[in-house]
Amino acid sequence: MGFFAAFGARLVLQTAPSRAAGGTINRALLDALDVFSYGAVLALFALLLLSSRKEAWPKVRKAMAVRLLLVAAVATFVSHVLVTPQMVELRDRMPVAIDLVPKDDPLRQSWGRLHGFSSIALLLRIVCAAGLFMTALPKRTQEDFLKAPDGSHV
């Protein structure tokens, strides 16, 4: 997800024969990322259940992990089911390629807002993944990770 957010979409748009073709490719990649996110949330939730049966997790860490998984699941659902289809529908209603539509056109402005929501949903999933990683680390490793280079705590 981080690679797609940082490089993937921009790289596709720069190398595609047209921005419209790049947008179509990015949509397919985003759909695949959404489907992968559904699978990842389910797999991580199953791992959380299995690992908490083998080893007792502190209640706070377990609750945090469950909440992060729920936020990631909701962000995936919002992106996949609510935002992306509306973006496609708006783009299909535009008479020309989106780059040729004036920036003050209501369709383009609506599309831009939805693009912002899509970006936020992707960012939320990235933050949740990082939070889950930190939550799953053993307490000693978390302390080491949060130490400053001089050995003091951050």
Foldseek 3Di string as FASTA:
>chain_A
DVCCLPPVLVVLCVPPPHNVVSVVVNLVVLLVVLVVLVVVLVVVVVVLVVVCVVPPAPPVLSVLLVVLSVLLNVLSCCLNPPLSVLLVVLCVPDPDHLVPDDCPDPSNVVSVVSVVSNSVSVVSNVVSVVSNVLSPDPPVVNQVVQADPVRHGD
